[in-house]
C-alpha cells in the first residue's frame, strides 16, 4: 500500500505523505517490515511478522531492532484499542530482554497495555518464535499528548 512512498523524504515541515486507512492499522514502517495486526481490542493486541532476510543480522538471526519494532508496535496497537480515535501518544521508555534467538518462521507478539494515570500507559509484550518458544519480553512506557 505504501511501497511507492518508502523513499520519500520526511521532515518537520514536510506534509505527511500518507494517511492510515483506519485508526488501528499499520503505518509504512510496519508494512515495510511485514507486520500483520491479527487482533487489537480491550488493551490487548496480537501481531505477527514473517522472519525474512531483511530482518536478519550478520549471523542469520532475527535482528534485535526487528524484534523490538514488532513488540513496540504490538503495544501501540493495544493502546490504540483503548484510546479514542485520533489520540496522540509516543513511546518514552522501552526495554527488551532476549531469552532465545529467533532463527526463522513467523514471529508473534502478544501485548497488553495498562493505563497508569491520565497521560501514562505501561505496556508489556511477549515475543514468540514459530514453535511458540518465548524469545523476548518487552516493557515500555508511553505518554499521551495533552489535549
N, C-alpha and C. Protein backbone atom coordinates (compact mmCIF):
# COMPACT_ATOMS: atom_id res chain seq x y z
N UNK A 1 0.81 -1.19 0.00
CA UNK A 1 0.00 0.00 0.00
C UNK A 1 0.86 1.27 0.00
N UNK A 2 1.95 1.25 0.77
CA UNK A 2 2.81 2.44 0.88
C UNK A 2 4.11 2.33 0.08
N UNK A 3 4.33 1.23 -0.61
CA UNK A 3 5.62 0.98 -1.26
C UNK A 3 6.10 2.17 -2.09
N UNK A 4 5.22 2.82 -2.76
CA UNK A 4 5.60 3.95 -3.62
C UNK A 4 6.08 5.17 -2.83
N UNK A 5 5.90 5.15 -1.51
CA UNK A 5 6.30 6.27 -0.66
C UNK A 5 7.55 6.00 0.16
N UNK A 6 8.05 4.77 0.16
CA UNK A 6 9.16 4.38 1.04
C UNK A 6 10.36 5.32 0.96
N UNK A 7 10.67 5.83 -0.20
CA UNK A 7 11.86 6.66 -0.37
C UNK A 7 11.59 8.16 -0.30
N UNK A 8 10.37 8.55 0.00
CA UNK A 8 10.04 9.97 0.11
C UNK A 8 10.68 10.56 1.36
N UNK A 9 11.18 11.79 1.28
CA UNK A 9 11.79 12.41 2.47
C UNK A 9 10.73 12.80 3.50
N UNK A 10 11.11 12.73 4.75
CA UNK A 10 10.24 13.16 5.85
C UNK A 10 10.95 14.30 6.56
N UNK A 11 10.18 15.19 7.14
CA UNK A 11 10.75 16.30 7.89
C UNK A 11 9.66 17.03 8.62
N UNK A 12 10.07 17.87 9.55
CA UNK A 12 9.12 18.59 10.38
C UNK A 12 8.19 19.48 9.55
N UNK A 13 8.72 20.07 8.51
CA UNK A 13 7.92 20.98 7.68
C UNK A 13 7.41 20.32 6.40
N UNK A 14 7.56 18.99 6.31
CA UNK A 14 7.09 18.25 5.13
C UNK A 14 5.71 17.68 5.46
N UNK A 15 4.71 17.94 4.61
CA UNK A 15 3.39 17.37 4.88
C UNK A 15 3.45 15.84 4.88
N UNK A 16 2.69 15.22 5.75
CA UNK A 16 2.64 13.77 5.84
C UNK A 16 2.16 13.21 4.50
N UNK A 17 2.96 12.35 3.85
CA UNK A 17 2.60 11.89 2.50
C UNK A 17 1.67 10.67 2.50
N UNK A 18 1.13 10.29 3.64
CA UNK A 18 0.23 9.14 3.69
C UNK A 18 -0.84 9.38 4.75
N UNK A 19 -1.89 8.57 4.67
CA UNK A 19 -2.95 8.59 5.66
C UNK A 19 -3.26 7.14 6.00
N UNK A 20 -3.38 6.84 7.29
CA UNK A 20 -3.72 5.48 7.68
C UNK A 20 -5.14 5.17 7.23
N UNK A 21 -5.40 3.96 6.77
CA UNK A 21 -6.75 3.61 6.31
C UNK A 21 -7.76 3.49 7.46
N UNK A 22 -7.25 3.22 8.67
CA UNK A 22 -8.10 3.07 9.85
C UNK A 22 -7.29 3.49 11.07
N UNK A 23 -7.94 3.65 12.20
CA UNK A 23 -7.27 4.02 13.45
C UNK A 23 -6.26 2.93 13.83
N UNK A 24 -6.68 1.69 13.78
CA UNK A 24 -5.77 0.58 14.09
C UNK A 24 -5.33 -0.02 12.76
N UNK A 25 -4.16 0.41 12.31
CA UNK A 25 -3.63 -0.02 11.02
C UNK A 25 -2.11 0.14 11.02
N UNK A 26 -1.46 -0.61 10.16
CA UNK A 26 0.00 -0.50 10.02
C UNK A 26 0.37 0.77 9.24
N UNK A 27 1.40 1.44 9.73
CA UNK A 27 1.99 2.59 9.05
C UNK A 27 3.05 2.07 8.07
N UNK A 28 3.67 2.96 7.28
CA UNK A 28 4.66 2.49 6.30
C UNK A 28 5.78 1.62 6.90
N UNK A 29 6.32 1.99 8.06
CA UNK A 29 7.40 1.21 8.66
C UNK A 29 6.95 -0.21 8.97
N UNK A 30 5.79 -0.33 9.59
CA UNK A 30 5.28 -1.67 9.94
C UNK A 30 4.98 -2.49 8.69
N UNK A 31 4.42 -1.83 7.67
CA UNK A 31 4.16 -2.52 6.41
C UNK A 31 5.47 -3.00 5.78
N UNK A 32 6.48 -2.13 5.77
CA UNK A 32 7.78 -2.48 5.20
C UNK A 32 8.36 -3.73 5.88
N UNK A 33 8.19 -3.83 7.19
CA UNK A 33 8.71 -4.99 7.92
C UNK A 33 7.82 -6.23 7.78
N UNK A 34 6.61 -6.06 7.24
CA UNK A 34 5.72 -7.20 7.01
C UNK A 34 4.82 -7.55 8.17
N UNK A 35 4.58 -6.61 9.08
CA UNK A 35 3.73 -6.89 10.24
C UNK A 35 2.27 -7.01 9.83
N UNK A 36 1.56 -7.87 10.56
CA UNK A 36 0.11 -8.03 10.40
C UNK A 36 -0.52 -7.90 11.78
N UNK A 37 -1.55 -7.08 11.87
CA UNK A 37 -2.32 -6.94 13.11
C UNK A 37 -3.39 -8.03 13.08
N UNK A 38 -3.21 -9.04 13.91
CA UNK A 38 -4.16 -10.15 13.96
C UNK A 38 -5.39 -9.77 14.78
N UNK A 39 -5.15 -9.04 15.89
CA UNK A 39 -6.25 -8.56 16.73
C UNK A 39 -5.76 -7.41 17.59
N UNK A 40 -6.69 -6.54 17.96
CA UNK A 40 -6.39 -5.43 18.86
C UNK A 40 -7.71 -4.96 19.46
N UNK A 41 -7.90 -5.27 20.73
CA UNK A 41 -9.11 -4.82 21.42
C UNK A 41 -8.93 -4.93 22.92
N UNK A 42 -9.60 -4.03 23.63
CA UNK A 42 -9.60 -4.07 25.09
C UNK A 42 -8.23 -3.96 25.73
N UNK A 43 -7.32 -3.21 25.11
CA UNK A 43 -5.99 -3.04 25.68
C UNK A 43 -5.04 -4.19 25.41
N UNK A 44 -5.41 -5.08 24.51
CA UNK A 44 -4.55 -6.21 24.14
C UNK A 44 -4.41 -6.25 22.62
N UNK A 45 -3.28 -6.78 22.16
CA UNK A 45 -3.07 -6.91 20.71
C UNK A 45 -2.21 -8.13 20.42
N UNK A 46 -2.41 -8.67 19.23
CA UNK A 46 -1.62 -9.79 18.73
C UNK A 46 -1.17 -9.42 17.33
N UNK A 47 0.15 -9.39 17.13
CA UNK A 47 0.73 -9.08 15.82
C UNK A 47 1.66 -10.20 15.39
N UNK A 48 1.78 -10.39 14.08
CA UNK A 48 2.71 -11.37 13.54
C UNK A 48 3.60 -10.70 12.50
N UNK A 49 4.76 -11.32 12.27
CA UNK A 49 5.69 -10.83 11.25
C UNK A 49 6.53 -12.01 10.79
N UNK A 50 6.59 -12.25 9.48
CA UNK A 50 7.45 -13.33 8.99
C UNK A 50 8.92 -12.92 9.08
N UNK A 51 9.77 -13.84 9.48
CA UNK A 51 11.21 -13.56 9.51
C UNK A 51 11.72 -13.70 8.09
N UNK A 52 12.09 -12.57 7.49
CA UNK A 52 12.62 -12.52 6.14
C UNK A 52 14.07 -12.05 6.19
N UNK A 53 14.78 -12.20 5.09
CA UNK A 53 16.19 -11.81 5.03
C UNK A 53 16.39 -10.36 5.49
N UNK A 54 15.46 -9.46 5.16
CA UNK A 54 15.61 -8.05 5.54
C UNK A 54 15.58 -7.85 7.06
N UNK A 55 15.20 -8.87 7.82
CA UNK A 55 15.15 -8.79 9.28
C UNK A 55 16.40 -9.39 9.95
N UNK A 56 17.31 -9.94 9.16
CA UNK A 56 18.44 -10.69 9.70
C UNK A 56 19.63 -9.81 10.06
N UNK A 57 20.32 -10.23 11.12
CA UNK A 57 21.62 -9.63 11.43
C UNK A 57 22.70 -10.49 10.77
N UNK A 58 23.96 -10.16 10.98
CA UNK A 58 25.06 -10.78 10.26
C UNK A 58 25.24 -12.28 10.40
N UNK A 59 24.73 -12.87 11.46
CA UNK A 59 24.86 -14.32 11.65
C UNK A 59 23.57 -15.07 11.31
N UNK A 60 22.59 -14.35 10.76
CA UNK A 60 21.38 -15.01 10.30
C UNK A 60 20.26 -15.12 11.31
N UNK A 61 20.42 -14.51 12.46
CA UNK A 61 19.35 -14.48 13.46
C UNK A 61 18.51 -13.23 13.23
N UNK A 62 17.29 -13.20 13.79
CA UNK A 62 16.48 -12.00 13.66
C UNK A 62 17.14 -10.86 14.42
N UNK A 63 17.29 -9.73 13.75
CA UNK A 63 17.93 -8.55 14.32
C UNK A 63 17.11 -8.05 15.51
N UNK A 64 17.80 -7.63 16.55
CA UNK A 64 17.14 -7.11 17.74
C UNK A 64 16.24 -5.93 17.45
N UNK A 65 16.60 -5.11 16.47
CA UNK A 65 15.77 -3.97 16.10
C UNK A 65 14.44 -4.42 15.51
N UNK A 66 14.45 -5.50 14.76
CA UNK A 66 13.20 -6.02 14.19
C UNK A 66 12.31 -6.59 15.29
N UNK A 67 12.91 -7.30 16.24
CA UNK A 67 12.14 -7.84 17.37
C UNK A 67 11.54 -6.68 18.17
N UNK A 68 12.35 -5.66 18.43
CA UNK A 68 11.88 -4.50 19.18
C UNK A 68 10.76 -3.78 18.45
N UNK A 69 10.90 -3.61 17.15
CA UNK A 69 9.87 -2.93 16.37
C UNK A 69 8.54 -3.68 16.44
N UNK A 70 8.58 -4.99 16.33
CA UNK A 70 7.35 -5.79 16.41
C UNK A 70 6.71 -5.63 17.79
N UNK A 71 7.49 -5.74 18.84
CA UNK A 71 6.96 -5.64 20.19
C UNK A 71 6.40 -4.24 20.47
N UNK A 72 7.14 -3.21 20.08
CA UNK A 72 6.71 -1.83 20.30
C UNK A 72 5.41 -1.55 19.55
N UNK A 73 5.31 -2.04 18.34
CA UNK A 73 4.09 -1.83 17.55
C UNK A 73 2.92 -2.59 18.14
N UNK A 74 3.17 -3.78 18.66
CA UNK A 74 2.09 -4.55 19.29
C UNK A 74 1.53 -3.79 20.49
N UNK A 75 2.41 -3.22 21.31
CA UNK A 75 1.92 -2.43 22.45
C UNK A 75 1.16 -1.20 21.95
N UNK A 76 1.68 -0.54 20.91
CA UNK A 76 0.99 0.64 20.37
C UNK A 76 -0.42 0.29 19.90
N UNK A 77 -0.59 -0.87 19.27
CA UNK A 77 -1.92 -1.27 18.82
C UNK A 77 -2.83 -1.61 20.00
N UNK A 78 -2.26 -2.19 21.05
CA UNK A 78 -3.04 -2.43 22.27
C UNK A 78 -3.52 -1.10 22.85
N UNK A 79 -2.65 -0.10 22.84
CA UNK A 79 -3.01 1.23 23.33
C UNK A 79 -4.09 1.85 22.46
N UNK A 80 -3.93 1.76 21.15
CA UNK A 80 -4.95 2.32 20.26
C UNK A 80 -6.32 1.69 20.52
N UNK A 81 -6.33 0.43 20.93
CA UNK A 81 -7.60 -0.25 21.17
C UNK A 81 -8.31 0.26 22.42
N UNK A 82 -7.62 1.07 23.24
CA UNK A 82 -8.25 1.56 24.47
C UNK A 82 -8.38 3.08 24.50
N UNK A 83 -7.82 3.79 23.52
CA UNK A 83 -7.90 5.25 23.48
C UNK A 83 -8.85 5.70 22.38
N UNK A 84 -9.40 6.90 22.52
CA UNK A 84 -10.26 7.42 21.45
C UNK A 84 -9.48 7.62 20.16
N UNK A 85 -10.14 7.39 19.04
CA UNK A 85 -9.51 7.56 17.74
C UNK A 85 -8.94 8.97 17.61
N UNK A 86 -7.72 9.04 17.06
CA UNK A 86 -7.07 10.33 16.87
C UNK A 86 -6.19 10.77 18.02
N UNK A 87 -6.15 9.99 19.10
CA UNK A 87 -5.28 10.32 20.24
C UNK A 87 -3.83 10.27 19.79
N UNK A 88 -3.00 11.13 20.38
CA UNK A 88 -1.57 11.13 20.07
C UNK A 88 -0.81 10.60 21.29
N UNK A 89 0.11 9.65 21.05
CA UNK A 89 0.92 9.10 22.12
C UNK A 89 2.23 8.63 21.54
N UNK A 90 3.25 8.57 22.39
CA UNK A 90 4.59 8.16 21.95
C UNK A 90 5.24 7.26 23.00
N UNK A 91 6.16 6.44 22.54
CA UNK A 91 6.98 5.63 23.44
C UNK A 91 7.99 6.57 24.09
N UNK A 92 8.09 6.54 25.42
CA UNK A 92 9.09 7.35 26.12
C UNK A 92 10.18 6.49 26.77
N UNK A 93 9.89 5.21 26.92
CA UNK A 93 10.86 4.31 27.55
C UNK A 93 10.58 2.91 27.06
N UNK A 94 11.65 2.15 26.79
CA UNK A 94 11.46 0.76 26.41
C UNK A 94 12.65 -0.08 26.82
N UNK A 95 12.37 -1.36 27.02
CA UNK A 95 13.40 -2.32 27.39
C UNK A 95 13.03 -3.66 26.78
N UNK A 96 14.02 -4.37 26.31
CA UNK A 96 13.79 -5.69 25.72
C UNK A 96 14.78 -6.67 26.32
N UNK A 97 14.28 -7.78 26.81
CA UNK A 97 15.12 -8.85 27.32
C UNK A 97 14.98 -10.04 26.38
N UNK A 98 16.10 -10.50 25.86
CA UNK A 98 16.10 -11.65 24.96
C UNK A 98 16.23 -12.93 25.79
N UNK A 99 15.45 -13.94 25.41
CA UNK A 99 15.50 -15.24 26.08
C UNK A 99 16.14 -16.30 25.20
N UNK A 100 15.90 -16.20 23.90
CA UNK A 100 16.46 -17.15 22.94
C UNK A 100 16.45 -16.50 21.55
N UNK A 101 17.38 -16.86 20.68
CA UNK A 101 17.40 -16.25 19.34
C UNK A 101 16.25 -16.77 18.48
N UNK A 102 15.90 -15.96 17.49
CA UNK A 102 14.87 -16.35 16.52
C UNK A 102 15.60 -16.71 15.22
N UNK A 103 15.34 -17.93 14.74
CA UNK A 103 16.04 -18.46 13.57
C UNK A 103 15.22 -18.38 12.28
N UNK A 104 13.91 -18.31 12.38
CA UNK A 104 13.09 -18.28 11.17
C UNK A 104 11.62 -18.40 11.49
N UNK A 105 10.80 -18.44 10.45
CA UNK A 105 9.37 -18.62 10.60
C UNK A 105 8.62 -17.33 10.89
N UNK A 106 7.38 -17.49 11.30
CA UNK A 106 6.53 -16.36 11.65
C UNK A 106 6.68 -16.07 13.14
N UNK A 107 6.96 -14.82 13.45
CA UNK A 107 7.17 -14.37 14.83
C UNK A 107 5.90 -13.70 15.31
N UNK A 108 5.52 -13.93 16.58
CA UNK A 108 4.29 -13.40 17.15
C UNK A 108 4.60 -12.54 18.37
N UNK A 109 3.90 -11.42 18.48
CA UNK A 109 3.99 -10.56 19.67
C UNK A 109 2.61 -10.45 20.29
N UNK A 110 2.52 -10.78 21.58
CA UNK A 110 1.28 -10.63 22.35
C UNK A 110 1.50 -9.49 23.33
N UNK A 111 0.67 -8.46 23.22
CA UNK A 111 0.87 -7.25 24.02
C UNK A 111 -0.34 -6.92 24.87
N UNK A 112 -0.05 -6.23 25.98
CA UNK A 112 -1.10 -5.71 26.85
C UNK A 112 -0.67 -4.34 27.34
N UNK A 113 -1.63 -3.43 27.38
CA UNK A 113 -1.38 -2.07 27.85
C UNK A 113 -2.26 -1.77 29.04
N UNK A 114 -1.70 -1.07 30.03
CA UNK A 114 -2.43 -0.71 31.24
C UNK A 114 -2.23 0.78 31.49
N UNK A 115 -3.31 1.49 31.65
CA UNK A 115 -3.25 2.93 31.92
C UNK A 115 -2.87 3.14 33.38
N UNK A 116 -1.88 4.02 33.61
CA UNK A 116 -1.39 4.28 34.96
C UNK A 116 -1.66 5.70 35.43
N UNK A 117 -2.42 6.41 34.71
CA UNK A 117 -2.72 7.79 35.06
C UNK A 117 -3.35 8.46 33.86
N UNK A 118 -3.54 9.76 33.97
CA UNK A 118 -4.18 10.49 32.89
C UNK A 118 -3.40 10.41 31.59
N UNK A 119 -2.05 10.45 31.68
CA UNK A 119 -1.23 10.50 30.46
C UNK A 119 -0.20 9.40 30.35
N UNK A 120 -0.16 8.46 31.26
CA UNK A 120 0.86 7.41 31.25
C UNK A 120 0.23 6.04 31.03
N UNK A 121 0.83 5.27 30.12
CA UNK A 121 0.41 3.90 29.87
C UNK A 121 1.64 3.02 29.88
N UNK A 122 1.56 1.89 30.59
CA UNK A 122 2.64 0.90 30.59
C UNK A 122 2.22 -0.25 29.69
N UNK A 123 3.19 -0.76 28.96
CA UNK A 123 2.91 -1.87 28.07
C UNK A 123 3.91 -3.00 28.25
N UNK A 124 3.43 -4.20 27.99
CA UNK A 124 4.28 -5.40 28.02
C UNK A 124 3.94 -6.21 26.78
N UNK A 125 4.96 -6.72 26.14
CA UNK A 125 4.75 -7.64 25.01
C UNK A 125 5.69 -8.82 25.17
N UNK A 126 5.17 -9.98 24.86
CA UNK A 126 6.00 -11.18 24.81
C UNK A 126 6.09 -11.59 23.34
N UNK A 127 7.30 -11.91 22.92
CA UNK A 127 7.56 -12.26 21.53
C UNK A 127 7.89 -13.75 21.46
N UNK A 128 7.23 -14.46 20.55
CA UNK A 128 7.38 -15.91 20.44
C UNK A 128 7.84 -16.29 19.04
N UNK A 129 8.69 -17.31 18.98
CA UNK A 129 9.09 -17.81 17.67
C UNK A 129 7.99 -18.72 17.11
N UNK A 130 8.23 -19.25 15.92
CA UNK A 130 7.20 -20.05 15.26
C UNK A 130 6.82 -21.31 16.04
N UNK A 131 7.73 -21.79 16.88
CA UNK A 131 7.46 -23.00 17.67
C UNK A 131 6.74 -22.68 18.97
N UNK A 132 6.49 -21.38 19.23
CA UNK A 132 5.81 -20.98 20.46
C UNK A 132 6.74 -20.75 21.62
N UNK A 133 8.04 -20.75 21.37
CA UNK A 133 9.03 -20.51 22.42
C UNK A 133 9.16 -18.99 22.64
N UNK A 134 9.09 -18.57 23.91
CA UNK A 134 9.21 -17.15 24.20
C UNK A 134 10.64 -16.71 23.93
N UNK A 135 10.80 -15.79 22.98
CA UNK A 135 12.12 -15.33 22.56
C UNK A 135 12.52 -14.03 23.24
N UNK A 136 11.53 -13.21 23.63
CA UNK A 136 11.85 -11.91 24.23
C UNK A 136 10.67 -11.39 25.03
N UNK A 137 10.99 -10.54 26.00
CA UNK A 137 9.99 -9.81 26.78
C UNK A 137 10.30 -8.33 26.67
N UNK A 138 9.29 -7.56 26.30
CA UNK A 138 9.42 -6.13 26.05
C UNK A 138 8.56 -5.38 27.07
N UNK A 139 9.12 -4.35 27.68
CA UNK A 139 8.36 -3.48 28.57
C UNK A 139 8.53 -2.05 28.09
N UNK A 140 7.50 -1.24 28.30
CA UNK A 140 7.54 0.12 27.78
C UNK A 140 6.64 1.05 28.56
N UNK A 141 6.93 2.33 28.40
CA UNK A 141 6.10 3.40 28.94
C UNK A 141 5.74 4.31 27.76
N UNK A 142 4.49 4.66 27.67
CA UNK A 142 4.00 5.58 26.65
C UNK A 142 3.40 6.81 27.33
N UNK A 143 3.47 7.91 26.63
CA UNK A 143 2.92 9.17 27.14
C UNK A 143 1.89 9.68 26.14
N UNK A 144 0.72 10.05 26.65
CA UNK A 144 -0.35 10.60 25.83
C UNK A 144 -0.20 12.11 25.77
N UNK A 145 -0.32 12.68 24.59
CA UNK A 145 -0.21 14.12 24.41
C UNK A 145 -1.34 14.85 25.14
N UNK A 146 -1.00 15.98 25.72
CA UNK A 146 -2.02 16.80 26.37
C UNK A 146 -3.03 17.26 25.33
N UNK A 147 -4.26 17.44 25.77
CA UNK A 147 -5.32 17.89 24.86
C UNK A 147 -5.22 19.35 24.58
